[in-house]
């Protein structure tokens, strides 16, 4: 019985001693790799897959129809946008191509409000500028879907008056190859 008590007292000490050696080993997690930015996911040339015009006032009042497809109208089917980045994946210029009506400036400079996905799940905002110093803002596009398993980039352009949105254009884009 005395030997059993000694064993019961010794066994936990042995376990603590062995665990302390296991915990001291360094874990090799590989070398540091910078996190993937939203810039890396949305850079490049994109072609229009579909365009929806959303009547925000009708939608807010549950009126129908509140959406209209514009993809095959007014030359929108030719719409393309190229978001250029430099060697460090930092934004530089953008250019819009095709014969669609210009709903925002057809070329200029761009940057995101934050280079990573927002922690609160709000859409990122692409600021559009007319100058390289990025002081003359010409508009903005919300990034509502980022390419991942499906190669679809979704951008939303919202028009408002006195802070009240009245119409949005939802661009669904696929890689232009």
C-alpha atoms as a PDB file:
ATOM      1  CA  UNK A   1       0.000   0.000   0.000  1.00  0.00           C
ATOM      2  CA  UNK A   2       2.869   2.313   0.860  1.00  0.00           C
ATOM      3  CA  UNK A   3       4.501   1.549  -2.489  1.00  0.00           C
ATOM      4  CA  UNK A   4       1.255   2.366  -4.288  1.00  0.00           C
ATOM      5  CA  UNK A   5       1.071   5.758  -2.535  1.00  0.00           C
ATOM      6  CA  UNK A   6       4.638   6.516  -3.516  1.00  0.00           C
ATOM      7  CA  UNK A   7       3.862   5.580  -7.095  1.00  0.00           C
ATOM      8  CA  UNK A   8       0.732   7.769  -7.119  1.00  0.00           C
ATOM      9  CA  UNK A   9       2.761  10.720  -5.810  1.00  0.00           C
ATOM     10  CA  UNK A  10       5.648  10.090  -8.205  1.00  0.00           C
ATOM     11  CA  UNK A  11       3.550   9.585 -11.364  1.00  0.00           C
ATOM     12  CA  UNK A  12       2.126  13.170 -11.574  1.00  0.00           C
ATOM     13  CA  UNK A  13       5.612  14.589 -10.985  1.00  0.00           C
ATOM     14  CA  UNK A  14       6.951  12.435 -13.804  1.00  0.00           C
ATOM     15  CA  UNK A  15       4.191  13.612 -16.163  1.00  0.00           C
ATOM     16  CA  UNK A  16       4.856  17.298 -15.342  1.00  0.00           C
ATOM     17  CA  UNK A  17       8.589  16.752 -15.845  1.00  0.00           C
ATOM     18  CA  UNK A  18       8.123  15.081 -19.256  1.00  0.00           C
ATOM     19  CA  UNK A  19       5.594  17.656 -20.468  1.00  0.00           C
ATOM     20  CA  UNK A  20       7.989  20.480 -19.645  1.00  0.00           C
ATOM     21  CA  UNK A  21      10.569  19.001 -22.029  1.00  0.00           C
ATOM     22  CA  UNK A  22       8.055  18.562 -24.830  1.00  0.00           C
ATOM     23  CA  UNK A  23       6.875  22.164 -24.437  1.00  0.00           C
ATOM     24  CA  UNK A  24      10.405  23.519 -24.845  1.00  0.00           C
ATOM     25  CA  UNK A  25      10.778  22.391 -28.446  1.00  0.00           C
ATOM     26  CA  UNK A  26      10.708  25.098 -31.094  1.00  0.00           C
ATOM     27  CA  UNK A  27       8.050  24.655 -33.723  1.00  0.00           C
ATOM     28  CA  UNK A  28       9.125  25.394 -37.267  1.00  0.00           C
ATOM     29  CA  UNK A  29       6.226  27.272 -38.863  1.00  0.00           C
ATOM     30  CA  UNK A  30       8.216  28.124 -41.957  1.00  0.00           C
ATOM     31  CA  UNK A  31       9.410  31.534 -43.020  1.00  0.00           C
ATOM     32  CA  UNK A  32       7.308  34.683 -42.697  1.00  0.00           C
ATOM     33  CA  UNK A  33       5.011  35.438 -45.594  1.00  0.00           C
ATOM     34  CA  UNK A  34       3.146  38.714 -45.774  1.00  0.00           C
ATOM     35  CA  UNK A  35      -0.645  38.360 -45.706  1.00  0.00           C
ATOM     36  CA  UNK A  36      -2.527  38.492 -48.998  1.00  0.00           C
ATOM     37  CA  UNK A  37      -3.996  41.926 -49.607  1.00  0.00           C
ATOM     38  CA  UNK A  38      -7.229  42.780 -51.352  1.00  0.00           C
ATOM     39  CA  UNK A  39      -5.062  44.520 -53.969  1.00  0.00           C
ATOM     40  CA  UNK A  40      -3.606  41.140 -54.945  1.00  0.00           C
ATOM     41  CA  UNK A  41      -7.085  39.655 -55.340  1.00  0.00           C
ATOM     42  CA  UNK A  42      -8.640  42.414 -57.462  1.00  0.00           C
ATOM     43  CA  UNK A  43      -5.716  43.583 -59.603  1.00  0.00           C
ATOM     44  CA  UNK A  44      -5.786  43.016 -63.346  1.00  0.00           C
ATOM     45  CA  UNK A  45      -8.299  43.291 -66.162  1.00  0.00           C
ATOM     46  CA  UNK A  46     -11.971  42.532 -65.616  1.00  0.00           C
ATOM     47  CA  UNK A  47     -14.820  42.188 -68.123  1.00  0.00           C
ATOM     48  CA  UNK A  48     -18.495  42.714 -67.399  1.00  0.00           C
ATOM     49  CA  UNK A  49     -20.512  39.593 -66.724  1.00  0.00           C
ATOM     50  CA  UNK A  50     -23.673  41.415 -65.631  1.00  0.00           C
ATOM     51  CA  UNK A  51     -24.834  44.880 -64.572  1.00  0.00           C
ATOM     52  CA  UNK A  52     -27.824  45.539 -62.348  1.00  0.00           C
ATOM     53  CA  UNK A  53     -29.350  48.964 -61.758  1.00  0.00           C
ATOM     54  CA  UNK A  54     -30.955  49.095 -58.304  1.00  0.00           C
ATOM     55  CA  UNK A  55     -33.579  51.715 -57.450  1.00  0.00           C
ATOM     56  CA  UNK A  56     -32.636  52.232 -53.793  1.00  0.00           C
ATOM     57  CA  UNK A  57     -35.792  54.213 -52.972  1.00  0.00           C
ATOM     58  CA  UNK A  58     -38.101  51.555 -54.452  1.00  0.00           C
ATOM     59  CA  UNK A  59     -36.122  48.858 -52.650  1.00  0.00           C
ATOM     60  CA  UNK A  60     -36.374  50.701 -49.306  1.00  0.00           C
ATOM     61  CA  UNK A  61     -40.151  51.057 -49.788  1.00  0.00           C
ATOM     62  CA  UNK A  62     -40.567  47.411 -50.916  1.00  0.00           C
ATOM     63  CA  UNK A  63     -41.809  48.523 -54.324  1.00  0.00           C
ATOM     64  CA  UNK A  64     -41.414  46.441 -57.429  1.00  0.00           C
ATOM     65  CA  UNK A  65     -39.532  46.461 -59.712  1.00  0.00           C
ATOM     66  CA  UNK A  66     -36.535  47.720 -57.809  1.00  0.00           C
ATOM     67  CA  UNK A  67     -33.863  46.203 -60.070  1.00  0.00           C
ATOM     68  CA  UNK A  68     -33.222  46.265 -63.796  1.00  0.00           C
ATOM     69  CA  UNK A  69     -30.594  44.389 -65.806  1.00  0.00           C
ATOM     70  CA  UNK A  70     -28.534  46.690 -68.034  1.00  0.00           C
ATOM     71  CA  UNK A  71     -25.986  44.142 -69.269  1.00  0.00           C
ATOM     72  CA  UNK A  72     -27.176  44.060 -72.892  1.00  0.00           C
ATOM     73  CA  UNK A  73     -28.209  47.713 -73.104  1.00  0.00           C
ATOM     74  CA  UNK A  74     -26.353  50.938 -73.934  1.00  0.00           C
ATOM     75  CA  UNK A  75     -23.143  49.073 -74.842  1.00  0.00           C
ATOM     76  CA  UNK A  76     -22.500  47.861 -71.281  1.00  0.00           C
ATOM     77  CA  UNK A  77     -21.643  44.376 -72.582  1.00  0.00           C
ATOM     78  CA  UNK A  78     -18.310  45.845 -73.778  1.00  0.00           C
ATOM     79  CA  UNK A  79     -17.420  47.283 -70.352  1.00  0.00           C
ATOM     80  CA  UNK A  80     -13.968  46.406 -68.993  1.00  0.00           C
ATOM     81  CA  UNK A  81     -11.924  47.799 -66.131  1.00  0.00           C
ATOM     82  CA  UNK A  82      -8.222  47.343 -65.452  1.00  0.00           C
ATOM     83  CA  UNK A  83      -6.875  47.894 -61.944  1.00  0.00           C
ATOM     84  CA  UNK A  84      -3.102  48.266 -62.163  1.00  0.00           C
ATOM     85  CA  UNK A  85      -0.641  47.721 -59.313  1.00  0.00           C
ATOM     86  CA  UNK A  86       3.123  48.161 -59.026  1.00  0.00           C
ATOM     87  CA  UNK A  87       5.725  45.471 -58.248  1.00  0.00           C
ATOM     88  CA  UNK A  88       4.832  45.670 -54.531  1.00  0.00           C
ATOM     89  CA  UNK A  89       1.114  45.155 -55.253  1.00  0.00           C
ATOM     90  CA  UNK A  90       0.307  48.766 -54.402  1.00  0.00           C
ATOM     91  CA  UNK A  91      -2.355  50.458 -56.539  1.00  0.00           C
ATOM     92  CA  UNK A  92      -1.379  52.766 -59.376  1.00  0.00           C
ATOM     93  CA  UNK A  93      -3.794  53.503 -62.227  1.00  0.00           C
ATOM     94  CA  UNK A  94      -7.112  52.239 -63.490  1.00  0.00           C
ATOM     95  CA  UNK A  95      -8.696  52.389 -66.940  1.00  0.00           C
ATOM     96  CA  UNK A  96     -12.220  51.693 -68.160  1.00  0.00           C
ATOM     97  CA  UNK A  97     -12.721  50.331 -71.669  1.00  0.00           C
ATOM     98  CA  UNK A  98     -15.666  49.676 -73.938  1.00  0.00           C
ATOM     99  CA  UNK A  99     -18.477  51.764 -75.354  1.00  0.00           C
ATOM    100  CA  UNK A 100     -20.647  51.900 -72.216  1.00  0.00           C
ATOM    101  CA  UNK A 101     -21.770  55.279 -70.859  1.00  0.00           C
ATOM    102  CA  UNK A 102     -19.304  56.661 -68.311  1.00  0.00           C
ATOM    103  CA  UNK A 103     -20.894  56.328 -64.874  1.00  0.00           C
ATOM    104  CA  UNK A 104     -17.553  57.219 -63.277  1.00  0.00           C
ATOM    105  CA  UNK A 105     -14.249  58.610 -64.563  1.00  0.00           C
ATOM    106  CA  UNK A 106     -12.814  56.406 -67.315  1.00  0.00           C
ATOM    107  CA  UNK A 107      -9.220  56.583 -66.074  1.00  0.00           C
ATOM    108  CA  UNK A 108      -7.173  57.801 -63.164  1.00  0.00           C
ATOM    109  CA  UNK A 109      -5.640  56.496 -59.972  1.00  0.00           C
ATOM    110  CA  UNK A 110      -7.095  54.263 -57.296  1.00  0.00           C
ATOM    111  CA  UNK A 111      -6.573  52.918 -53.793  1.00  0.00           C
ATOM    112  CA  UNK A 112      -8.582  51.040 -51.189  1.00  0.00           C
ATOM    113  CA  UNK A 113      -9.598  52.560 -47.888  1.00  0.00           C
ATOM    114  CA  UNK A 114      -7.850  49.567 -46.214  1.00  0.00           C
ATOM    115  CA  UNK A 115      -5.675  46.950 -47.987  1.00  0.00           C
ATOM    116  CA  UNK A 116      -7.159  43.953 -46.137  1.00  0.00           C
ATOM    117  CA  UNK A 117     -10.733  42.689 -45.706  1.00  0.00           C
ATOM    118  CA  UNK A 118     -12.623  44.705 -43.096  1.00  0.00           C
ATOM    119  CA  UNK A 119     -13.015  42.895 -39.776  1.00  0.00           C
ATOM    120  CA  UNK A 120     -16.627  44.073 -39.459  1.00  0.00           C
ATOM    121  CA  UNK A 121     -17.520  42.571 -42.880  1.00  0.00           C
ATOM    122  CA  UNK A 122     -18.356  45.944 -44.454  1.00  0.00           C
ATOM    123  CA  UNK A 123     -17.401  46.269 -48.119  1.00  0.00           C
ATOM    124  CA  UNK A 124     -14.062  47.838 -48.960  1.00  0.00           C
ATOM    125  CA  UNK A 125     -14.165  51.165 -50.768  1.00  0.00           C
ATOM    126  CA  UNK A 126     -12.072  51.861 -53.861  1.00  0.00           C
ATOM    127  CA  UNK A 127     -11.302  55.571 -53.952  1.00  0.00           C
ATOM    128  CA  UNK A 128     -10.920  56.933 -57.493  1.00  0.00           C
ATOM    129  CA  UNK A 129      -8.630  59.928 -58.096  1.00  0.00           C
ATOM    130  CA  UNK A 130      -7.756  62.127 -61.038  1.00  0.00           C
ATOM    131  CA  UNK A 131      -4.165  62.811 -59.918  1.00  0.00           C
ATOM    132  CA  UNK A 132      -1.178  60.648 -58.988  1.00  0.00           C
ATOM    133  CA  UNK A 133      -0.862  62.373 -55.593  1.00  0.00           C
ATOM    134  CA  UNK A 134      -4.394  61.095 -54.844  1.00  0.00           C
ATOM    135  CA  UNK A 135      -5.711  64.440 -53.648  1.00  0.00           C
ATOM    136  CA  UNK A 136      -8.520  64.994 -56.204  1.00  0.00           C
ATOM    137  CA  UNK A 137     -11.136  62.320 -55.500  1.00  0.00           C
ATOM    138  CA  UNK A 138     -13.524  61.699 -58.402  1.00  0.00           C
ATOM    139  CA  UNK A 139     -15.638  58.869 -57.006  1.00  0.00           C
ATOM    140  CA  UNK A 140     -15.753  55.561 -55.236  1.00  0.00           C
ATOM    141  CA  UNK A 141     -16.709  51.941 -55.826  1.00  0.00           C
ATOM    142  CA  UNK A 142     -17.610  49.468 -53.090  1.00  0.00           C
ATOM    143  CA  UNK A 143     -16.062  45.998 -53.400  1.00  0.00           C
ATOM    144  CA  UNK A 144     -19.009  43.779 -52.464  1.00  0.00           C
ATOM    145  CA  UNK A 145     -17.517  40.448 -53.605  1.00  0.00           C
ATOM    146  CA  UNK A 146     -13.854  39.487 -53.917  1.00  0.00           C
ATOM    147  CA  UNK A 147     -12.629  36.677 -56.188  1.00  0.00           C
ATOM    148  CA  UNK A 148     -11.931  33.466 -54.298  1.00  0.00           C
ATOM    149  CA  UNK A 149     -13.425  30.070 -55.167  1.00  0.00           C
ATOM    150  CA  UNK A 150     -15.391  31.784 -57.931  1.00  0.00           C
ATOM    151  CA  UNK A 151     -13.508  34.285 -60.048  1.00  0.00           C
ATOM    152  CA  UNK A 152     -16.120  37.039 -59.703  1.00  0.00           C
ATOM    153  CA  UNK A 153     -15.382  40.600 -58.638  1.00  0.00           C
ATOM    154  CA  UNK A 154     -18.450  42.608 -57.691  1.00  0.00           C
ATOM    155  CA  UNK A 155     -18.338  46.400 -57.537  1.00  0.00           C
ATOM    156  CA  UNK A 156     -21.151  48.725 -56.454  1.00  0.00           C
ATOM    157  CA  UNK A 157     -21.428  52.352 -57.529  1.00  0.00           C
ATOM    158  CA  UNK A 158     -24.028  54.209 -55.453  1.00  0.00           C
ATOM    159  CA  UNK A 159     -25.433  57.629 -56.290  1.00  0.00           C
ATOM    160  CA  UNK A 160     -26.924  59.689 -53.470  1.00  0.00           C
ATOM    161  CA  UNK A 161     -28.299  63.144 -52.843  1.00  0.00           C
ATOM    162  CA  UNK A 162     -28.045  64.821 -49.455  1.00  0.00           C
ATOM    163  CA  UNK A 163     -26.718  61.545 -48.038  1.00  0.00           C
ATOM    164  CA  UNK A 164     -29.688  59.475 -49.255  1.00  0.00           C
ATOM    165  CA  UNK A 165     -28.856  56.802 -51.865  1.00  0.00           C
ATOM    166  CA  UNK A 166     -31.273  56.726 -54.793  1.00  0.00           C
ATOM    167  CA  UNK A 167     -29.639  54.435 -57.372  1.00  0.00           C
ATOM    168  CA  UNK A 168     -26.872  51.824 -57.393  1.00  0.00           C
ATOM    169  CA  UNK A 169     -25.127  50.005 -60.203  1.00  0.00           C
ATOM    170  CA  UNK A 170     -23.850  46.526 -59.343  1.00  0.00           C
ATOM    171  CA  UNK A 171     -21.076  45.366 -61.680  1.00  0.00           C
ATOM    172  CA  UNK A 172     -20.408  41.625 -61.688  1.00  0.00           C
ATOM    173  CA  UNK A 173     -17.025  41.116 -63.364  1.00  0.00           C
ATOM    174  CA  UNK A 174     -14.960  38.128 -64.443  1.00  0.00           C
ATOM    175  CA  UNK A 175     -11.277  38.040 -65.444  1.00  0.00           C
ATOM    176  CA  UNK A 176     -10.721  39.403 -68.961  1.00  0.00           C
ATOM    177  CA  UNK A 177      -8.537  36.820 -70.670  1.00  0.00           C
END
